Amino acid sequence: MSRAAVELPAGTRAFLTRPRTATLTTLRPDGTPHVTPVRFTVDAATGLVRVTTRAGARKARNVAAGGPAARVALCQADGFRWVTLEGRAAVTDDPEHLAEAVRRYTARYRAAPPAPPDLVVIEIAVDRILSLNL
């Protein structure tokens, strides 16, 4: 996964550190959107967003089906404040990537994520940021 093409502004980083859920939008193979609530982490140093999930989950299958061109959008909102992070996404079950995703998730949400046997991580290289009232 390549580095993100944009840097997260300080206000955006602060907003995204709150332990909230967001919506992740992926595209099904037929091009229709699939929107699901997720917990996630943001690595400001690399511009990577990480979402842990099951390999068989629709969101993971959508990203995998999109190949290297797969794009997603993740949106966290709080009243009239929101930020959407868009970028290329990839699914991996690499143990080092999984360990980093679990470590960051546990630090953010103060609990380990679910650990199904088919755990994977969706990594999103953020290249576009949209926001309001941050």
N, C-alpha and C. Protein backbone atom coordinates (compact mmCIF):
# COMPACT_ATOMS: atom_id res chain seq x y z
N MET A 1 0.86 -1.17 0.00
CA MET A 1 0.00 0.00 0.00
C MET A 1 0.90 1.22 0.00
N SER A 2 0.64 2.14 -0.90
CA SER A 2 1.45 3.35 -0.99
C SER A 2 1.00 4.36 0.06
N ARG A 3 1.88 5.30 0.32
CA ARG A 3 1.56 6.37 1.26
C ARG A 3 0.46 7.26 0.72
N ALA A 4 -0.22 7.88 1.61
CA ALA A 4 -1.28 8.81 1.23
C ALA A 4 -0.69 10.03 0.54
N ALA A 5 -1.49 10.66 -0.30
CA ALA A 5 -1.03 11.82 -1.05
C ALA A 5 -1.34 13.13 -0.33
N VAL A 6 -2.05 13.09 0.77
CA VAL A 6 -2.39 14.31 1.50
C VAL A 6 -2.02 14.16 2.97
N GLU A 7 -1.78 15.30 3.59
CA GLU A 7 -1.49 15.32 5.02
C GLU A 7 -2.75 15.71 5.78
N LEU A 8 -2.98 15.07 6.90
CA LEU A 8 -4.17 15.38 7.70
C LEU A 8 -3.93 16.65 8.52
N PRO A 9 -4.77 17.68 8.35
CA PRO A 9 -4.63 18.89 9.16
C PRO A 9 -4.81 18.57 10.65
N ALA A 10 -4.25 19.39 11.51
CA ALA A 10 -4.28 19.15 12.95
C ALA A 10 -5.71 19.02 13.48
N GLY A 11 -6.63 19.87 13.04
CA GLY A 11 -8.02 19.78 13.49
C GLY A 11 -8.68 18.48 13.09
N THR A 12 -8.36 18.01 11.91
CA THR A 12 -8.89 16.73 11.43
C THR A 12 -8.33 15.58 12.26
N ARG A 13 -7.02 15.62 12.50
CA ARG A 13 -6.40 14.57 13.32
C ARG A 13 -7.04 14.52 14.70
N ALA A 14 -7.24 15.67 15.33
CA ALA A 14 -7.84 15.71 16.67
C ALA A 14 -9.26 15.14 16.64
N PHE A 15 -10.04 15.51 15.64
CA PHE A 15 -11.42 15.02 15.52
C PHE A 15 -11.43 13.50 15.35
N LEU A 16 -10.49 12.98 14.60
CA LEU A 16 -10.47 11.54 14.30
C LEU A 16 -9.87 10.69 15.42
N THR A 17 -9.36 11.32 16.48
CA THR A 17 -8.83 10.53 17.59
C THR A 17 -9.92 10.15 18.58
N ARG A 18 -11.08 10.79 18.48
CA ARG A 18 -12.18 10.43 19.38
C ARG A 18 -12.63 9.00 19.08
N PRO A 19 -12.90 8.23 20.10
CA PRO A 19 -13.26 6.81 19.88
C PRO A 19 -14.70 6.64 19.41
N ARG A 20 -14.95 7.02 18.20
CA ARG A 20 -16.29 6.95 17.61
C ARG A 20 -16.30 5.93 16.48
N THR A 21 -17.50 5.67 16.00
CA THR A 21 -17.63 4.86 14.80
C THR A 21 -17.77 5.80 13.61
N ALA A 22 -17.61 5.22 12.45
CA ALA A 22 -17.75 5.96 11.20
C ALA A 22 -18.50 5.07 10.23
N THR A 23 -18.79 5.60 9.06
CA THR A 23 -19.35 4.76 8.00
C THR A 23 -18.28 4.55 6.95
N LEU A 24 -18.21 3.34 6.46
CA LEU A 24 -17.29 2.99 5.38
C LEU A 24 -18.13 2.67 4.16
N THR A 25 -17.85 3.38 3.07
CA THR A 25 -18.56 3.13 1.82
C THR A 25 -17.61 2.45 0.85
N THR A 26 -18.03 1.27 0.39
CA THR A 26 -17.30 0.52 -0.64
C THR A 26 -18.26 0.33 -1.81
N LEU A 27 -17.72 -0.12 -2.92
CA LEU A 27 -18.56 -0.38 -4.08
C LEU A 27 -18.67 -1.87 -4.34
N ARG A 28 -19.90 -2.33 -4.46
CA ARG A 28 -20.14 -3.73 -4.83
C ARG A 28 -19.68 -3.95 -6.27
N PRO A 29 -19.48 -5.20 -6.67
CA PRO A 29 -19.06 -5.47 -8.05
C PRO A 29 -20.01 -4.88 -9.10
N ASP A 30 -21.28 -4.69 -8.76
CA ASP A 30 -22.22 -4.10 -9.74
C ASP A 30 -22.19 -2.57 -9.71
N GLY A 31 -21.30 -1.97 -8.89
CA GLY A 31 -21.14 -0.53 -8.84
C GLY A 31 -22.01 0.18 -7.83
N THR A 32 -22.91 -0.54 -7.15
CA THR A 32 -23.75 0.10 -6.15
C THR A 32 -23.00 0.25 -4.84
N PRO A 33 -23.31 1.31 -4.07
CA PRO A 33 -22.59 1.52 -2.82
C PRO A 33 -23.06 0.59 -1.70
N HIS A 34 -22.12 0.21 -0.88
CA HIS A 34 -22.39 -0.56 0.33
C HIS A 34 -21.85 0.29 1.48
N VAL A 35 -22.71 0.68 2.41
CA VAL A 35 -22.32 1.54 3.53
C VAL A 35 -22.51 0.77 4.82
N THR A 36 -21.49 0.76 5.65
CA THR A 36 -21.55 0.01 6.91
C THR A 36 -20.83 0.77 8.01
N PRO A 37 -21.33 0.70 9.25
CA PRO A 37 -20.62 1.33 10.36
C PRO A 37 -19.37 0.53 10.72
N VAL A 38 -18.30 1.24 11.04
CA VAL A 38 -17.04 0.58 11.39
C VAL A 38 -16.33 1.37 12.48
N ARG A 39 -15.48 0.66 13.18
CA ARG A 39 -14.48 1.30 14.03
C ARG A 39 -13.20 1.30 13.22
N PHE A 40 -12.33 2.28 13.44
CA PHE A 40 -11.16 2.44 12.59
C PHE A 40 -10.06 3.17 13.34
N THR A 41 -8.88 3.20 12.75
CA THR A 41 -7.79 4.00 13.28
C THR A 41 -7.17 4.79 12.13
N VAL A 42 -6.54 5.89 12.51
CA VAL A 42 -5.84 6.73 11.55
C VAL A 42 -4.39 6.85 11.99
N ASP A 43 -3.48 6.59 11.08
CA ASP A 43 -2.05 6.77 11.32
C ASP A 43 -1.65 8.05 10.60
N ALA A 44 -1.56 9.15 11.34
CA ALA A 44 -1.27 10.46 10.72
C ALA A 44 0.10 10.48 10.07
N ALA A 45 1.06 9.69 10.58
CA ALA A 45 2.41 9.70 10.02
C ALA A 45 2.46 9.10 8.62
N THR A 46 1.64 8.10 8.36
CA THR A 46 1.64 7.45 7.05
C THR A 46 0.41 7.77 6.22
N GLY A 47 -0.61 8.37 6.84
CA GLY A 47 -1.84 8.65 6.14
C GLY A 47 -2.70 7.43 5.90
N LEU A 48 -2.46 6.37 6.66
CA LEU A 48 -3.24 5.15 6.51
C LEU A 48 -4.38 5.08 7.50
N VAL A 49 -5.54 4.70 7.00
CA VAL A 49 -6.69 4.37 7.83
C VAL A 49 -6.77 2.86 7.83
N ARG A 50 -7.05 2.29 9.00
CA ARG A 50 -7.15 0.83 9.11
C ARG A 50 -8.51 0.44 9.69
N VAL A 51 -9.11 -0.57 9.06
CA VAL A 51 -10.38 -1.12 9.51
C VAL A 51 -10.20 -2.64 9.58
N THR A 52 -10.36 -3.21 10.77
CA THR A 52 -10.29 -4.67 10.89
C THR A 52 -11.68 -5.24 10.64
N THR A 53 -11.70 -6.41 10.02
CA THR A 53 -12.97 -7.06 9.70
C THR A 53 -12.70 -8.52 9.35
N ARG A 54 -13.76 -9.23 9.00
CA ARG A 54 -13.63 -10.61 8.54
C ARG A 54 -13.36 -10.63 7.04
N ALA A 55 -12.60 -11.58 6.57
CA ALA A 55 -12.33 -11.70 5.14
C ALA A 55 -13.62 -11.88 4.35
N GLY A 56 -14.60 -12.54 4.95
CA GLY A 56 -15.85 -12.80 4.27
C GLY A 56 -16.86 -11.67 4.34
N ALA A 57 -16.55 -10.60 5.06
CA ALA A 57 -17.48 -9.47 5.17
C ALA A 57 -17.63 -8.79 3.80
N ARG A 58 -18.82 -8.30 3.54
CA ARG A 58 -19.11 -7.65 2.26
C ARG A 58 -18.10 -6.54 1.95
N LYS A 59 -17.75 -5.71 2.95
CA LYS A 59 -16.83 -4.60 2.72
C LYS A 59 -15.46 -5.10 2.27
N ALA A 60 -14.97 -6.17 2.89
CA ALA A 60 -13.68 -6.73 2.50
C ALA A 60 -13.75 -7.34 1.10
N ARG A 61 -14.83 -8.03 0.82
CA ARG A 61 -14.99 -8.64 -0.51
C ARG A 61 -15.09 -7.56 -1.58
N ASN A 62 -15.78 -6.45 -1.27
CA ASN A 62 -15.88 -5.36 -2.24
C ASN A 62 -14.52 -4.76 -2.55
N VAL A 63 -13.73 -4.51 -1.51
CA VAL A 63 -12.40 -3.94 -1.72
C VAL A 63 -11.53 -4.91 -2.52
N ALA A 64 -11.55 -6.17 -2.14
CA ALA A 64 -10.74 -7.17 -2.86
C ALA A 64 -11.15 -7.26 -4.33
N ALA A 65 -12.44 -7.21 -4.59
CA ALA A 65 -12.93 -7.31 -5.98
C ALA A 65 -12.51 -6.10 -6.80
N GLY A 66 -12.30 -4.96 -6.14
CA GLY A 66 -11.90 -3.74 -6.85
C GLY A 66 -10.46 -3.74 -7.29
N GLY A 67 -9.67 -4.67 -6.76
CA GLY A 67 -8.25 -4.74 -7.11
C GLY A 67 -7.51 -3.48 -6.70
N PRO A 68 -6.37 -3.22 -7.37
CA PRO A 68 -5.55 -2.07 -6.97
C PRO A 68 -6.23 -0.72 -7.18
N ALA A 69 -7.30 -0.69 -7.95
CA ALA A 69 -8.00 0.57 -8.19
C ALA A 69 -9.15 0.80 -7.21
N ALA A 70 -9.34 -0.11 -6.25
CA ALA A 70 -10.47 0.01 -5.30
C ALA A 70 -10.37 1.31 -4.52
N ARG A 71 -11.48 2.04 -4.50
CA ARG A 71 -11.56 3.28 -3.74
C ARG A 71 -12.69 3.17 -2.74
N VAL A 72 -12.49 3.80 -1.59
CA VAL A 72 -13.50 3.80 -0.53
C VAL A 72 -13.59 5.19 0.07
N ALA A 73 -14.63 5.39 0.86
CA ALA A 73 -14.79 6.64 1.62
C ALA A 73 -15.19 6.27 3.04
N LEU A 74 -14.54 6.91 4.00
CA LEU A 74 -14.86 6.70 5.41
C LEU A 74 -15.28 8.05 5.98
N CYS A 75 -16.44 8.10 6.64
CA CYS A 75 -16.95 9.36 7.16
C CYS A 75 -17.29 9.25 8.64
N GLN A 76 -16.70 10.14 9.44
CA GLN A 76 -17.03 10.25 10.86
C GLN A 76 -17.75 11.57 11.07
N ALA A 77 -18.89 11.52 11.73
CA ALA A 77 -19.69 12.72 11.97
C ALA A 77 -19.99 12.89 13.45
N ASP A 78 -20.15 14.14 13.85
CA ASP A 78 -20.57 14.48 15.20
C ASP A 78 -21.39 15.75 15.09
N GLY A 79 -22.70 15.59 15.04
CA GLY A 79 -23.57 16.75 14.84
C GLY A 79 -23.31 17.38 13.48
N PHE A 80 -23.00 18.68 13.49
CA PHE A 80 -22.73 19.39 12.25
C PHE A 80 -21.25 19.43 11.91
N ARG A 81 -20.47 18.60 12.57
CA ARG A 81 -19.03 18.47 12.24
C ARG A 81 -18.82 17.09 11.65
N TRP A 82 -18.08 17.04 10.57
CA TRP A 82 -17.79 15.75 9.97
C TRP A 82 -16.52 15.82 9.14
N VAL A 83 -15.94 14.65 8.92
CA VAL A 83 -14.80 14.54 8.01
C VAL A 83 -14.97 13.24 7.22
N THR A 84 -14.71 13.33 5.93
CA THR A 84 -14.69 12.16 5.06
C THR A 84 -13.29 12.00 4.52
N LEU A 85 -12.78 10.78 4.63
CA LEU A 85 -11.46 10.43 4.11
C LEU A 85 -11.67 9.48 2.94
N GLU A 86 -11.14 9.83 1.79
CA GLU A 86 -11.25 8.98 0.60
C GLU A 86 -9.87 8.50 0.20
N GLY A 87 -9.82 7.33 -0.42
CA GLY A 87 -8.54 6.84 -0.92
C GLY A 87 -8.62 5.44 -1.48
N ARG A 88 -7.48 4.99 -1.95
CA ARG A 88 -7.35 3.62 -2.45
C ARG A 88 -7.27 2.68 -1.26
N ALA A 89 -7.88 1.51 -1.44
CA ALA A 89 -7.93 0.55 -0.34
C ALA A 89 -7.43 -0.81 -0.80
N ALA A 90 -6.91 -1.54 0.15
CA ALA A 90 -6.47 -2.92 -0.09
C ALA A 90 -6.77 -3.74 1.16
N VAL A 91 -6.99 -5.03 0.95
CA VAL A 91 -7.24 -5.96 2.06
C VAL A 91 -6.01 -6.83 2.23
N THR A 92 -5.59 -7.00 3.48
CA THR A 92 -4.45 -7.88 3.74
C THR A 92 -4.67 -8.71 5.00
N ASP A 93 -4.07 -9.90 4.99
CA ASP A 93 -4.06 -10.73 6.19
C ASP A 93 -2.63 -10.92 6.68
N ASP A 94 -1.72 -10.07 6.21
CA ASP A 94 -0.33 -10.12 6.62
C ASP A 94 -0.26 -9.96 8.14
N PRO A 95 0.42 -10.88 8.83
CA PRO A 95 0.47 -10.83 10.30
C PRO A 95 1.00 -9.51 10.88
N GLU A 96 1.99 -8.91 10.24
CA GLU A 96 2.52 -7.64 10.75
C GLU A 96 1.50 -6.51 10.61
N HIS A 97 0.80 -6.49 9.49
CA HIS A 97 -0.22 -5.46 9.27
C HIS A 97 -1.38 -5.66 10.25
N LEU A 98 -1.76 -6.91 10.46
CA LEU A 98 -2.84 -7.21 11.41
C LEU A 98 -2.45 -6.80 12.82
N ALA A 99 -1.23 -7.12 13.22
CA ALA A 99 -0.77 -6.78 14.57
C ALA A 99 -0.78 -5.27 14.78
N GLU A 100 -0.35 -4.52 13.78
CA GLU A 100 -0.35 -3.06 13.89
C GLU A 100 -1.78 -2.53 13.96
N ALA A 101 -2.67 -3.08 13.17
CA ALA A 101 -4.07 -2.65 13.19
C ALA A 101 -4.71 -2.94 14.55
N VAL A 102 -4.45 -4.11 15.10
CA VAL A 102 -5.01 -4.48 16.40
C VAL A 102 -4.43 -3.60 17.50
N ARG A 103 -3.13 -3.34 17.44
CA ARG A 103 -2.49 -2.49 18.44
C ARG A 103 -3.12 -1.09 18.44
N ARG A 104 -3.28 -0.51 17.28
CA ARG A 104 -3.84 0.84 17.17
C ARG A 104 -5.31 0.86 17.60
N TYR A 105 -6.07 -0.16 17.19
CA TYR A 105 -7.49 -0.25 17.56
C TYR A 105 -7.61 -0.32 19.08
N THR A 106 -6.82 -1.18 19.70
CA THR A 106 -6.87 -1.37 21.15
C THR A 106 -6.52 -0.08 21.88
N ALA A 107 -5.55 0.66 21.38
CA ALA A 107 -5.19 1.94 22.00
C ALA A 107 -6.31 2.96 21.84
N ARG A 108 -6.95 3.00 20.70
CA ARG A 108 -7.99 3.99 20.46
C ARG A 108 -9.28 3.67 21.22
N TYR A 109 -9.72 2.42 21.16
CA TYR A 109 -11.02 2.05 21.74
C TYR A 109 -10.91 1.39 23.12
N ARG A 110 -9.68 1.24 23.63
CA ARG A 110 -9.43 0.68 24.95
C ARG A 110 -9.97 -0.74 25.12
N ALA A 111 -10.05 -1.45 24.02
CA ALA A 111 -10.45 -2.85 24.00
C ALA A 111 -9.99 -3.44 22.68
N ALA A 112 -9.64 -4.69 22.71
CA ALA A 112 -9.21 -5.34 21.47
C ALA A 112 -10.40 -5.51 20.53
N PRO A 113 -10.13 -5.50 19.23
CA PRO A 113 -11.22 -5.72 18.28
C PRO A 113 -11.63 -7.19 18.30
N PRO A 114 -12.79 -7.51 17.75
CA PRO A 114 -13.15 -8.92 17.61
C PRO A 114 -12.03 -9.65 16.85
N ALA A 115 -11.85 -10.92 17.15
CA ALA A 115 -10.75 -11.68 16.55
C ALA A 115 -11.25 -12.96 15.89
N PRO A 116 -12.03 -12.83 14.82
CA PRO A 116 -12.48 -14.03 14.13
C PRO A 116 -11.30 -14.73 13.46
N PRO A 117 -11.43 -16.00 13.12
CA PRO A 117 -10.31 -16.71 12.50
C PRO A 117 -9.91 -16.15 11.14
N ASP A 118 -10.82 -15.47 10.47
CA ASP A 118 -10.51 -14.92 9.14
C ASP A 118 -10.27 -13.40 9.20
N LEU A 119 -9.65 -12.92 10.30
CA LEU A 119 -9.41 -11.50 10.48
C LEU A 119 -8.51 -10.94 9.38
N VAL A 120 -8.91 -9.82 8.83
CA VAL A 120 -8.12 -9.09 7.84
C VAL A 120 -8.17 -7.61 8.21
N VAL A 121 -7.35 -6.84 7.55
CA VAL A 121 -7.38 -5.39 7.73
C VAL A 121 -7.53 -4.73 6.36
N ILE A 122 -8.45 -3.78 6.30
CA ILE A 122 -8.57 -2.94 5.12
C ILE A 122 -7.71 -1.71 5.39
N GLU A 123 -6.74 -1.47 4.53
CA GLU A 123 -5.86 -0.31 4.67
C GLU A 123 -6.22 0.69 3.58
N ILE A 124 -6.45 1.92 3.99
CA ILE A 124 -6.87 2.97 3.07
C ILE A 124 -5.79 4.05 3.05
N ALA A 125 -5.21 4.30 1.86
CA ALA A 125 -4.24 5.38 1.68
C ALA A 125 -5.03 6.64 1.32
N VAL A 126 -5.18 7.52 2.27
CA VAL A 126 -6.02 8.70 2.11
C VAL A 126 -5.38 9.66 1.09
N ASP A 127 -6.19 10.05 0.09
CA ASP A 127 -5.71 11.02 -0.89
C ASP A 127 -6.66 12.19 -1.07
N ARG A 128 -7.78 12.17 -0.33
CA ARG A 128 -8.71 13.29 -0.38
C ARG A 128 -9.39 13.42 0.98
N ILE A 129 -9.52 14.65 1.44
CA ILE A 129 -10.18 14.95 2.71
C ILE A 129 -11.27 15.97 2.46
N LEU A 130 -12.46 15.67 2.93
CA LEU A 130 -13.58 16.61 2.89
C LEU A 130 -14.04 16.80 4.33
N SER A 131 -14.37 18.04 4.72
CA SER A 131 -14.80 18.22 6.10
C SER A 131 -15.67 19.47 6.22
N LEU A 132 -16.34 19.55 7.36
CA LEU A 132 -17.17 20.71 7.67
C LEU A 132 -17.05 21.01 9.16
N ASN A 133 -16.84 22.29 9.47
CA ASN A 133 -16.83 22.79 10.85
C ASN A 133 -15.72 22.18 11.71
N LEU A 134 -14.58 21.92 11.14
CA LEU A 134 -13.43 21.45 11.93
C LEU A 134 -12.42 22.55 12.05
